[in-house]
Amino acid sequence: MAAIRRLCVLKVVVPGLVAANASRTALCGAFVYQAGWVRNMNSRLQSVGILETPKQQGKYETGQLFLHKVFGYRGIVLFPWVARLYDRDVASKTEERNLEEGLYTTAGKEVKGKTHTYYQVLIDSRDCPYIRAQTEGVTFLGNTENSRSLYAIPGLDYVSHEDVLPYTSSDKQPIQHELFDRFLTAQPGRIPPFTARETLRAWQEKNHPWLELSDVHRETTENIRVTVIPFYMGCREAHNANVYWWRYCIRLENLGEETVQLRERHWRIFSLSGTLETVRGRGVIGREPVLSKEQPAFQYSSHVSLQAPSGHMWGTFRMERSDGHMFDCRIPPFSLESKSDDNSSPHGFVGPKRK
């Protein structure tokens, strides 16, 4: 039986890991292997752990080991966030169904939020070179009133509940991350066998305003799904005026069979002060990522500042298919809302300065 399980695991190879995108049902209880990634696809396998059945109900606890279903990295859950998911695809389907039934309604014009669970996690540093996502995407402002410096905490991510593939491991330290020992402690015999230290609880409480994930926005255009998560970062003074900062995390995912490449971005940024800014440019963060069947997703973070406490953003990504056909992929509109600001920096564990 073990041999059959191993064959199931070896069916899929992704950067850094084996079996991250394979069938959940087929792999429950199977051995998980780490694969060294090289360009010629040769892999040296090393046992990582045993997959568990993903939870259809309830939340994962602090200390749960997992594989990321899309990006394939190993991680560990720190704590959950309960967010509101605004899925424009669901709203569009509702509107189409009402039109087909001859019903007139405006319900589809306004997207209703649905409660959804995300997790704050640590990423295994050994897998960071193979991930098609920024591993320094969680950033903070400097702690002085006129500071515009951004500080990052490497290897920190937000993961949706359905992207968690839980597994168990007998290793005493199955995840390599500089904050692992500061945040977690082993409790043999417990499931999961790691619990939060007081330092994690204090860090979460101190940085709650800057870490909190509250709204998630999602929309699909021609099989390209765009997910946006905005975060308020704080207010700083510049040239005798208040400047409000946000970061936003964007994930692009190809749900179809055809390969596409992101060529351009087009943003519209509206501020409560009454200004409307247009931003155009090649690619994103200096890259023009390809979304293929083998590597369907890409994730990045960026920042925006306004001289008003709130605003809105929306736009499009210009995508190109392999046959040269171009189309615009919609970025779902999202709000930029500020919170009370105490000008504090991340408590204790600040990463390198980004700019």
Protein backbone atom coordinates (compact mmCIF):
# COMPACT_ATOMS: atom_id res chain seq x y z
CA MET A 1 0.00 0.00 0.00
CA ALA A 2 2.89 2.35 0.78
CA ALA A 3 4.28 1.83 -2.72
CA ILE A 4 0.91 2.78 -4.26
CA ARG A 5 0.79 5.91 -2.15
CA ARG A 6 4.27 6.93 -3.24
CA LEU A 7 3.33 6.55 -6.89
CA CYS A 8 0.34 8.84 -6.31
CA VAL A 9 2.60 11.47 -4.75
CA LEU A 10 5.13 11.35 -7.57
CA LYS A 11 2.58 12.17 -10.26
CA VAL A 12 2.97 15.94 -9.90
CA VAL A 13 6.18 17.93 -9.56
CA VAL A 14 6.08 21.66 -8.78
CA PRO A 15 8.87 24.07 -7.78
CA GLY A 16 10.33 22.86 -4.50
CA LEU A 17 7.59 20.35 -3.74
CA VAL A 18 5.89 17.24 -5.03
CA ALA A 19 2.12 16.79 -5.18
CA ALA A 20 0.97 20.26 -4.14
CA ASN A 21 -1.60 20.45 -6.95
CA ALA A 22 -2.60 16.78 -6.98
CA SER A 23 -6.02 15.43 -6.01
CA ARG A 24 -6.77 15.86 -2.32
CA THR A 25 -8.68 12.59 -2.12
CA ALA A 26 -5.97 10.52 -3.78
CA LEU A 27 -3.27 11.86 -1.47
CA CYS A 28 -4.93 11.67 1.95
CA GLY A 29 -2.61 9.66 4.18
CA ALA A 30 0.10 9.58 1.51
CA PHE A 31 3.74 10.36 2.06
CA VAL A 32 4.84 13.86 1.01
CA TYR A 33 8.24 14.40 -0.55
CA GLN A 34 10.46 17.47 -0.96
CA ALA A 35 12.01 17.72 -4.42
CA GLY A 36 15.10 19.73 -5.27
CA TRP A 37 14.11 21.80 -8.34
CA VAL A 38 16.47 22.06 -11.31
CA ARG A 39 15.82 23.16 -14.87
CA ASN A 40 16.00 19.70 -16.40
CA MET A 41 13.24 18.52 -14.02
CA ASN A 42 15.50 15.98 -12.29
CA SER A 43 14.56 15.79 -8.61
CA ARG A 44 16.15 14.42 -5.48
CA LEU A 45 13.36 13.34 -3.15
CA GLN A 46 13.29 13.65 0.61
CA SER A 47 10.46 12.63 2.92
CA VAL A 48 8.55 15.56 4.46
CA GLY A 49 5.53 14.03 6.20
CA ILE A 50 2.11 12.41 5.77
CA LEU A 51 -0.89 14.22 4.34
CA GLU A 52 -4.07 14.56 6.39
CA THR A 53 -7.66 14.96 5.22
CA PRO A 54 -8.36 18.67 4.53
CA LYS A 55 -11.04 20.20 6.76
CA GLN A 56 -14.33 20.92 5.05
CA GLN A 57 -15.67 22.59 8.20
CA GLY A 58 -14.04 24.39 11.09
CA LYS A 59 -10.65 26.11 11.26
CA TYR A 60 -7.08 24.87 11.42
CA GLU A 61 -5.34 25.50 14.73
CA THR A 62 -2.10 27.30 15.51
CA GLY A 63 0.80 24.97 14.74
CA GLN A 64 -0.85 23.13 11.82
CA LEU A 65 1.69 22.12 9.16
CA PHE A 66 0.52 22.41 5.56
CA LEU A 67 1.44 22.51 1.89
CA HIS A 68 0.12 25.44 -0.15
CA LYS A 69 -2.22 23.97 -2.74
CA VAL A 70 -1.29 26.51 -5.45
CA PHE A 71 2.27 27.66 -4.69
CA GLY A 72 3.51 24.38 -3.25
CA TYR A 73 5.51 25.66 -0.27
CA ARG A 74 5.63 24.18 3.23
CA GLY A 75 4.22 26.38 5.98
CA ILE A 76 2.76 26.49 9.46
CA VAL A 77 -0.39 28.26 10.70
CA LEU A 78 0.05 31.08 13.22
CA PHE A 79 -3.56 32.26 13.64
CA PRO A 80 -6.75 32.73 11.59
CA TRP A 81 -8.42 35.83 10.17
CA VAL A 82 -12.13 36.03 9.36
CA ALA A 83 -12.57 38.15 6.22
CA ARG A 84 -15.40 39.27 3.98
CA LEU A 85 -15.02 37.84 0.47
CA TYR A 86 -16.59 39.94 -2.29
CA ASP A 87 -16.78 37.59 -5.27
CA ARG A 88 -18.00 39.41 -8.40
CA ASP A 89 -18.19 36.10 -10.27
CA VAL A 90 -20.98 34.93 -7.95
CA ALA A 91 -22.83 38.23 -8.40
CA SER A 92 -22.55 37.95 -12.21
CA LYS A 93 -23.92 34.40 -12.20
CA THR A 94 -26.87 35.48 -10.06
CA GLU A 95 -27.65 38.34 -12.44
CA GLU A 96 -27.40 36.07 -15.51
CA ARG A 97 -29.72 33.50 -13.92
CA ASN A 98 -32.31 36.17 -13.10
CA LEU A 99 -32.22 37.48 -16.68
CA GLU A 100 -32.71 33.96 -18.03
CA GLU A 101 -35.73 33.52 -15.76
CA GLY A 102 -37.19 36.84 -16.86
CA LEU A 103 -36.72 38.45 -13.45
CA TYR A 104 -35.60 42.05 -13.07
CA THR A 105 -33.35 42.68 -10.09
CA THR A 106 -30.51 44.98 -9.09
CA ALA A 107 -29.01 42.44 -6.68
CA GLY A 108 -26.21 41.53 -9.08
CA LYS A 109 -25.01 45.14 -9.31
CA GLU A 110 -23.87 45.21 -5.71
CA VAL A 111 -21.57 42.46 -4.49
CA LYS A 112 -22.46 41.04 -1.09
CA GLY A 113 -19.63 39.90 1.14
CA LYS A 114 -19.39 36.32 2.35
CA THR A 115 -17.48 35.24 5.46
CA HIS A 116 -14.26 33.43 4.59
CA THR A 117 -11.32 32.16 6.65
CA TYR A 118 -7.69 33.05 5.93
CA TYR A 119 -4.57 32.19 7.94
CA GLN A 120 -1.45 34.10 8.91
CA VAL A 121 1.38 31.67 8.21
CA LEU A 122 5.14 31.26 8.18
CA ILE A 123 6.76 30.03 4.95
CA ASP A 124 9.60 27.53 5.10
CA SER A 125 12.71 29.50 4.05
CA ARG A 126 14.00 26.49 2.07
CA ASP A 127 11.06 26.82 -0.32
CA CYS A 128 11.21 30.60 -0.86
CA PRO A 129 13.44 30.45 -3.99
CA TYR A 130 10.84 28.32 -5.79
CA ILE A 131 7.68 30.30 -5.04
CA ARG A 132 5.98 32.45 -7.72
CA ALA A 133 5.02 34.96 -5.05
CA GLN A 134 6.83 37.66 -3.11
CA THR A 135 8.08 36.25 0.17
CA GLU A 136 8.55 39.80 1.56
CA GLY A 137 5.03 40.95 0.70
CA VAL A 138 4.02 41.86 4.28
CA THR A 139 5.41 45.33 4.92
CA PHE A 140 5.18 48.04 7.57
CA LEU A 141 5.91 51.77 7.72
CA GLY A 142 8.79 53.10 9.78
CA ASN A 143 7.88 54.28 13.26
CA THR A 144 8.67 57.98 12.88
CA GLU A 145 5.99 60.47 11.87
CA ASN A 146 7.74 61.60 8.68
CA SER A 147 9.19 58.21 7.73
CA ARG A 148 8.34 56.74 4.32
CA SER A 149 10.58 53.71 4.77
CA LEU A 150 8.99 50.28 4.38
CA TYR A 151 10.07 47.32 6.47
CA ALA A 152 9.34 43.73 5.52
CA ILE A 153 8.95 40.53 7.51
CA PRO A 154 10.28 37.80 5.19
CA GLY A 155 8.39 34.56 4.90
CA LEU A 156 5.02 35.81 6.20
CA ASP A 157 1.90 35.12 4.13
CA TYR A 158 -1.92 35.00 4.12
CA VAL A 159 -3.46 31.71 2.98
CA SER A 160 -7.09 30.94 2.15
CA HIS A 161 -8.66 27.95 3.91
CA GLU A 162 -9.13 25.99 0.67
CA ASP A 163 -5.42 26.38 -0.19
CA VAL A 164 -4.32 24.48 2.93
CA LEU A 165 -3.24 20.85 2.46
CA PRO A 166 -2.53 19.72 6.06
CA TYR A 167 0.16 17.20 6.89
CA THR A 168 1.96 15.79 9.90
CA SER A 169 5.68 15.39 10.48
CA SER A 170 7.84 13.71 13.11
CA ASP A 171 10.56 16.39 12.76
CA LYS A 172 11.16 18.49 15.86
CA GLN A 173 11.48 21.61 13.69
CA PRO A 174 9.72 20.82 10.39
CA ILE A 175 9.66 24.47 9.25
CA GLN A 176 12.79 26.59 8.90
CA HIS A 177 12.05 30.23 9.67
CA GLU A 178 13.79 32.69 11.98
CA LEU A 179 10.54 33.32 13.89
CA PHE A 180 9.59 29.66 14.34
CA ASP A 181 11.19 29.25 17.80
CA ARG A 182 10.11 32.73 18.91
CA PHE A 183 6.46 32.17 18.04
CA LEU A 184 5.92 28.44 18.59
CA THR A 185 6.82 25.75 21.07
CA ALA A 186 6.60 21.97 20.79
CA GLN A 187 4.02 20.00 22.78
CA PRO A 188 4.57 16.27 22.08
CA GLY A 189 1.38 14.23 22.06
CA ARG A 190 -0.78 17.18 21.07
CA ILE A 191 -2.41 17.51 17.63
CA PRO A 192 -1.03 19.65 16.10
CA PRO A 193 2.16 19.25 18.17
CA PHE A 194 3.01 22.99 18.29
CA THR A 195 1.35 25.78 20.29
CA ALA A 196 1.70 29.56 20.42
CA ARG A 197 4.21 31.19 22.72
CA GLU A 198 3.25 34.34 24.59
CA THR A 199 5.50 36.29 22.19
CA LEU A 200 3.20 35.34 19.27
CA ARG A 201 0.07 36.41 21.13
CA ALA A 202 1.69 39.72 22.14
CA TRP A 203 2.95 40.33 18.60
CA GLN A 204 -0.48 39.63 17.12
CA GLU A 205 -2.20 41.98 19.56
CA LYS A 206 0.35 44.77 19.09
CA ASN A 207 0.28 44.64 15.28
CA HIS A 208 -3.37 43.78 14.78
CA PRO A 209 -4.22 47.06 12.92
CA TRP A 210 -1.49 46.54 10.30
CA LEU A 211 -1.82 42.78 9.94
CA GLU A 212 -5.60 42.48 9.94
CA LEU A 213 -7.16 41.01 6.82
CA SER A 214 -10.76 42.20 6.58
CA ASP A 215 -11.82 42.39 2.90
CA VAL A 216 -10.99 40.18 -0.10
CA HIS A 217 -12.11 41.02 -3.65
CA ARG A 218 -12.22 38.57 -6.55
CA GLU A 219 -13.21 38.66 -10.23
CA THR A 220 -12.58 36.42 -13.27
CA THR A 221 -12.16 37.52 -16.90
CA GLU A 222 -11.68 34.91 -19.65
CA ASN A 223 -10.50 32.30 -17.12
CA ILE A 224 -8.02 34.66 -15.43
CA ARG A 225 -9.00 35.17 -11.81
CA VAL A 226 -7.72 38.24 -9.97
CA THR A 227 -7.86 38.37 -6.17
CA VAL A 228 -7.07 41.60 -4.29
CA ILE A 229 -6.50 42.03 -0.54
CA PRO A 230 -5.96 45.63 0.69
CA PHE A 231 -4.28 46.48 4.02
CA TYR A 232 -4.09 49.84 5.77
CA MET A 233 -0.52 50.66 6.84
CA GLY A 234 -0.83 53.96 8.67
CA CYS A 235 -0.60 57.73 8.32
CA ARG A 236 2.58 59.81 8.08
CA GLU A 237 3.25 63.53 7.67
CA ALA A 238 4.94 64.82 4.52
CA HIS A 239 5.32 68.50 3.54
CA ASN A 240 2.91 69.57 6.31
CA ALA A 241 0.18 67.23 5.06
CA ASN A 242 -1.04 63.83 6.16
CA VAL A 243 -0.29 60.95 3.79
CA TYR A 244 -2.22 57.69 4.22
CA TRP A 245 -0.60 54.42 3.11
CA TRP A 246 -1.98 51.06 2.04
CA ARG A 247 -0.43 47.90 0.67
CA TYR A 248 -2.38 45.54 -1.54
CA CYS A 249 -1.71 41.92 -2.38
CA ILE A 250 -2.75 40.67 -5.82
CA ARG A 251 -2.93 37.07 -6.99
CA LEU A 252 -3.47 36.17 -10.65
CA GLU A 253 -4.53 32.63 -11.46
CA ASN A 254 -5.10 30.99 -14.83
CA LEU A 255 -8.12 28.69 -14.53
CA GLY A 256 -8.06 27.69 -18.20
CA GLU A 257 -5.89 25.64 -20.55
CA GLU A 258 -4.35 28.41 -22.67
CA THR A 259 -1.10 30.08 -21.62
CA VAL A 260 -1.26 33.85 -21.11
CA GLN A 261 1.28 36.53 -20.22
CA LEU A 262 0.70 39.76 -18.32
CA ARG A 263 1.93 42.66 -20.47
CA GLU A 264 0.55 45.88 -19.00
CA ARG A 265 -1.26 47.30 -15.99
CA HIS A 266 -3.80 50.14 -15.98
CA TRP A 267 -4.92 51.57 -12.63
CA ARG A 268 -7.50 54.21 -11.69
CA ILE A 269 -7.03 55.60 -8.18
CA PHE A 270 -9.73 57.82 -6.69
CA SER A 271 -9.12 59.81 -3.51
CA LEU A 272 -11.77 61.21 -1.19
CA SER A 273 -10.06 64.58 -1.70
CA GLY A 274 -11.54 64.51 -5.21
CA THR A 275 -8.51 63.54 -7.28
CA LEU A 276 -8.52 60.75 -9.88
CA GLU A 277 -5.13 59.37 -10.90
CA THR A 278 -4.40 57.09 -13.84
CA VAL A 279 -1.36 54.80 -13.78
CA ARG A 280 -0.16 52.79 -16.78
CA GLY A 281 2.95 50.69 -17.16
CA ARG A 282 4.60 47.53 -18.39
CA GLY A 283 4.05 44.40 -16.30
CA VAL A 284 3.99 44.42 -12.50
CA ILE A 285 6.91 44.91 -10.07
CA GLY A 286 9.28 44.84 -13.04
CA ARG A 287 8.04 41.49 -14.32
CA GLU A 288 5.70 40.18 -17.04
CA PRO A 289 4.67 36.82 -15.54
CA VAL A 290 3.50 33.90 -17.68
CA LEU A 291 0.49 31.96 -16.41
CA SER A 292 0.48 28.44 -17.82
CA LYS A 293 -1.13 25.11 -17.00
CA GLU A 294 2.12 24.04 -15.27
CA GLN A 295 2.58 27.33 -13.37
CA PRO A 296 -0.89 28.88 -13.23
CA ALA A 297 -0.48 31.50 -10.51
CA PHE A 298 1.54 34.57 -9.62
CA GLN A 299 1.26 36.77 -6.52
CA TYR A 300 2.76 40.15 -5.66
CA SER A 301 2.31 43.13 -3.34
CA SER A 302 2.51 46.85 -3.96
CA HIS A 303 1.68 50.13 -2.22
CA VAL A 304 -0.39 53.25 -2.70
CA SER A 305 -0.61 56.54 -0.78
CA LEU A 306 -3.34 59.20 -0.68
CA GLN A 307 -3.67 62.62 0.91
CA ALA A 308 -7.10 61.59 2.16
CA PRO A 309 -8.23 58.94 4.68
CA SER A 310 -10.07 56.87 2.07
CA GLY A 311 -10.44 56.18 -1.62
CA HIS A 312 -10.99 53.49 -4.25
CA MET A 313 -8.88 51.58 -6.78
CA TRP A 314 -9.80 49.57 -9.86
CA GLY A 315 -8.30 48.76 -13.22
CA THR A 316 -7.24 46.13 -15.75
CA PHE A 317 -4.31 43.92 -16.69
CA ARG A 318 -3.57 43.61 -20.41
CA MET A 319 -2.99 39.91 -21.10
CA GLU A 320 -1.56 38.24 -24.21
CA ARG A 321 -2.27 34.69 -25.37
CA SER A 322 0.30 32.52 -27.15
CA ASP A 323 -1.35 33.33 -30.51
CA GLY A 324 -0.88 37.05 -29.94
CA HIS A 325 -4.51 37.79 -28.98
CA MET A 326 -4.71 40.56 -26.37
CA PHE A 327 -7.50 41.12 -23.85
CA ASP A 328 -8.12 43.16 -20.70
CA CYS A 329 -8.53 41.29 -17.44
CA ARG A 330 -10.56 43.25 -14.89
CA ILE A 331 -9.15 44.08 -11.46
CA PRO A 332 -12.10 44.12 -9.03
CA PRO A 333 -12.73 47.56 -7.48
CA PHE A 334 -11.80 47.83 -3.81
CA SER A 335 -11.95 50.43 -1.07
CA LEU A 336 -9.01 52.03 0.69
CA GLU A 337 -10.14 52.70 4.26
CA SER A 338 -8.02 54.11 7.09
CA LYS A 339 -8.05 53.20 10.78
CA SER A 340 -6.95 54.82 14.02
CA ASP A 341 -3.18 55.32 13.83
CA ASP A 342 -0.78 55.08 16.78
CA ASN A 343 2.42 55.50 14.70
CA SER A 344 3.86 52.28 16.08
CA SER A 345 6.14 49.93 14.17
CA PRO A 346 5.91 46.12 14.17
CA HIS A 347 6.52 44.94 17.72
CA GLY A 348 9.91 43.32 18.05
CA PHE A 349 10.45 41.46 14.81
CA VAL A 350 11.02 43.88 11.96
CA GLY A 351 12.60 42.69 8.75
CA PRO A 352 14.94 44.49 6.33
CA LYS A 353 14.15 47.92 4.94
CA ARG A 354 12.72 47.79 1.41
CA LYS A 355 12.84 51.41 0.42
